[in-house]
Amino acid sequence: MPGKYDVEFRLSVLKCLWDNQLSYREVAALFNIRSPGCIGDWERCYHNGGIDALIPRVRG
């Protein structure tokens, strides 16, 4: 489901991760995210391209 999480949500998840020095699994539990690995993807995208890289892309 593309775009399930909007850019504001993704950024708030990352800020929580960084501010509280939590693991992906811990943050995923707090935000009810099924796949903790996607948080790592968001973090990588943010570091490579800034906030614009967090904008969900529609596939297809």
N, C-alpha and C. Protein backbone atom coordinates (compact mmCIF):
# COMPACT_ATOMS: atom_id res chain seq x y z
N MET A 1 0.85 -1.19 0.00
CA MET A 1 0.00 0.00 0.00
C MET A 1 0.88 1.24 0.00
N PRO A 2 1.16 1.83 -1.15
CA PRO A 2 2.03 2.99 -1.23
C PRO A 2 1.46 4.18 -0.48
N GLY A 3 2.35 4.92 0.15
CA GLY A 3 1.92 6.13 0.83
C GLY A 3 1.15 5.89 2.11
N LYS A 4 1.32 4.73 2.71
CA LYS A 4 0.58 4.43 3.93
C LYS A 4 0.94 5.42 5.04
N TYR A 5 2.19 5.81 5.10
CA TYR A 5 2.65 6.75 6.12
C TYR A 5 3.10 8.04 5.42
N ASP A 6 2.51 9.18 5.83
CA ASP A 6 2.88 10.43 5.18
C ASP A 6 4.20 10.96 5.74
N VAL A 7 4.71 12.01 5.10
CA VAL A 7 6.03 12.53 5.43
C VAL A 7 6.09 13.05 6.87
N GLU A 8 5.02 13.66 7.36
CA GLU A 8 5.01 14.17 8.73
C GLU A 8 5.12 13.03 9.74
N PHE A 9 4.40 11.95 9.47
CA PHE A 9 4.46 10.78 10.35
C PHE A 9 5.86 10.19 10.34
N ARG A 10 6.43 10.01 9.16
CA ARG A 10 7.77 9.43 9.05
C ARG A 10 8.80 10.28 9.80
N LEU A 11 8.70 11.60 9.65
CA LEU A 11 9.64 12.48 10.34
C LEU A 11 9.46 12.41 11.85
N SER A 12 8.23 12.32 12.32
CA SER A 12 8.00 12.22 13.77
C SER A 12 8.56 10.91 14.32
N VAL A 13 8.46 9.84 13.54
CA VAL A 13 9.04 8.56 13.95
C VAL A 13 10.56 8.69 14.07
N LEU A 14 11.18 9.31 13.07
CA LEU A 14 12.64 9.47 13.10
C LEU A 14 13.09 10.36 14.24
N LYS A 15 12.36 11.43 14.51
CA LYS A 15 12.72 12.31 15.63
C LYS A 15 12.64 11.57 16.96
N CYS A 16 11.61 10.75 17.11
CA CYS A 16 11.48 9.94 18.32
C CYS A 16 12.66 8.98 18.45
N LEU A 17 13.03 8.37 17.33
CA LEU A 17 14.16 7.44 17.30
C LEU A 17 15.43 8.13 17.78
N TRP A 18 15.70 9.30 17.20
CA TRP A 18 16.94 10.02 17.50
C TRP A 18 16.92 10.65 18.89
N ASP A 19 15.80 11.29 19.27
CA ASP A 19 15.73 11.98 20.56
C ASP A 19 15.82 11.03 21.74
N ASN A 20 15.28 9.84 21.58
CA ASN A 20 15.22 8.89 22.69
C ASN A 20 16.21 7.74 22.56
N GLN A 21 17.00 7.76 21.49
CA GLN A 21 18.00 6.72 21.24
C GLN A 21 17.41 5.32 21.38
N LEU A 22 16.30 5.12 20.67
CA LEU A 22 15.62 3.83 20.70
C LEU A 22 16.01 2.99 19.50
N SER A 23 15.71 1.72 19.57
CA SER A 23 15.94 0.83 18.44
C SER A 23 14.78 0.95 17.46
N TYR A 24 14.97 0.44 16.25
CA TYR A 24 13.89 0.44 15.26
C TYR A 24 12.69 -0.34 15.80
N ARG A 25 12.97 -1.44 16.46
CA ARG A 25 11.90 -2.29 16.99
C ARG A 25 11.10 -1.55 18.08
N GLU A 26 11.81 -0.82 18.93
CA GLU A 26 11.12 -0.08 20.00
C GLU A 26 10.24 1.03 19.42
N VAL A 27 10.78 1.76 18.45
CA VAL A 27 10.00 2.85 17.84
C VAL A 27 8.82 2.28 17.06
N ALA A 28 9.02 1.16 16.37
CA ALA A 28 7.94 0.53 15.64
C ALA A 28 6.80 0.14 16.59
N ALA A 29 7.14 -0.35 17.76
CA ALA A 29 6.12 -0.71 18.74
C ALA A 29 5.37 0.53 19.23
N LEU A 30 6.08 1.62 19.47
CA LEU A 30 5.44 2.85 19.94
C LEU A 30 4.47 3.42 18.92
N PHE A 31 4.82 3.33 17.65
CA PHE A 31 4.01 3.93 16.58
C PHE A 31 3.14 2.90 15.84
N ASN A 32 3.13 1.68 16.34
CA ASN A 32 2.33 0.61 15.73
C ASN A 32 2.67 0.40 14.25
N ILE A 33 3.97 0.28 13.98
CA ILE A 33 4.45 0.02 12.63
C ILE A 33 4.81 -1.46 12.56
N ARG A 34 4.25 -2.16 11.60
CA ARG A 34 4.46 -3.61 11.51
C ARG A 34 5.89 -4.01 11.20
N SER A 35 6.55 -3.26 10.34
CA SER A 35 7.88 -3.65 9.90
C SER A 35 8.93 -2.65 10.37
N PRO A 36 9.68 -2.98 11.43
CA PRO A 36 10.70 -2.07 11.93
C PRO A 36 11.75 -1.72 10.88
N GLY A 37 11.97 -2.61 9.92
CA GLY A 37 12.97 -2.37 8.89
C GLY A 37 12.69 -1.15 8.04
N CYS A 38 11.40 -0.80 7.89
CA CYS A 38 11.09 0.37 7.07
C CYS A 38 11.60 1.65 7.73
N ILE A 39 11.73 1.66 9.04
CA ILE A 39 12.25 2.83 9.73
C ILE A 39 13.70 3.06 9.35
N GLY A 40 14.45 1.98 9.22
CA GLY A 40 15.82 2.08 8.75
C GLY A 40 15.90 2.63 7.34
N ASP A 41 14.95 2.21 6.50
CA ASP A 41 14.88 2.74 5.13
C ASP A 41 14.60 4.24 5.16
N TRP A 42 13.66 4.66 6.01
CA TRP A 42 13.34 6.09 6.11
C TRP A 42 14.55 6.87 6.60
N GLU A 43 15.26 6.32 7.58
CA GLU A 43 16.44 7.01 8.12
C GLU A 43 17.51 7.16 7.04
N ARG A 44 17.74 6.12 6.29
CA ARG A 44 18.73 6.15 5.20
C ARG A 44 18.32 7.18 4.14
N CYS A 45 17.06 7.17 3.77
CA CYS A 45 16.56 8.14 2.79
C CYS A 45 16.73 9.57 3.29
N TYR A 46 16.41 9.79 4.56
CA TYR A 46 16.52 11.13 5.13
C TYR A 46 17.98 11.61 5.11
N HIS A 47 18.90 10.74 5.49
CA HIS A 47 20.31 11.12 5.50
C HIS A 47 20.86 11.36 4.10
N ASN A 48 20.31 10.66 3.11
CA ASN A 48 20.78 10.82 1.73
C ASN A 48 20.11 11.98 0.99
N GLY A 49 18.84 12.28 1.33
CA GLY A 49 18.12 13.26 0.54
C GLY A 49 17.30 14.27 1.31
N GLY A 50 17.40 14.27 2.63
CA GLY A 50 16.64 15.23 3.42
C GLY A 50 15.16 14.88 3.49
N ILE A 51 14.39 15.85 3.94
CA ILE A 51 12.96 15.61 4.17
C ILE A 51 12.22 15.24 2.89
N ASP A 52 12.66 15.78 1.76
CA ASP A 52 11.99 15.45 0.50
C ASP A 52 12.08 13.96 0.16
N ALA A 53 13.12 13.31 0.64
CA ALA A 53 13.30 11.88 0.38
C ALA A 53 12.31 11.03 1.18
N LEU A 54 11.62 11.64 2.15
CA LEU A 54 10.65 10.91 2.95
C LEU A 54 9.25 10.92 2.33
N ILE A 55 9.08 11.70 1.28
CA ILE A 55 7.77 11.77 0.63
C ILE A 55 7.48 10.42 -0.01
N PRO A 56 6.32 9.84 0.34
CA PRO A 56 5.98 8.53 -0.24
C PRO A 56 5.89 8.60 -1.76
N ARG A 57 6.43 7.60 -2.40
CA ARG A 57 6.38 7.51 -3.85
C ARG A 57 5.32 6.49 -4.26
N VAL A 58 4.56 6.84 -5.26
CA VAL A 58 3.55 5.91 -5.78
C VAL A 58 4.24 5.01 -6.80
N ARG A 59 4.08 3.72 -6.61
CA ARG A 59 4.70 2.75 -7.53
C ARG A 59 3.71 2.39 -8.63
N GLY A 60 4.29 2.05 -9.77
CA GLY A 60 3.41 1.54 -10.81
C GLY A 60 3.53 2.23 -12.12
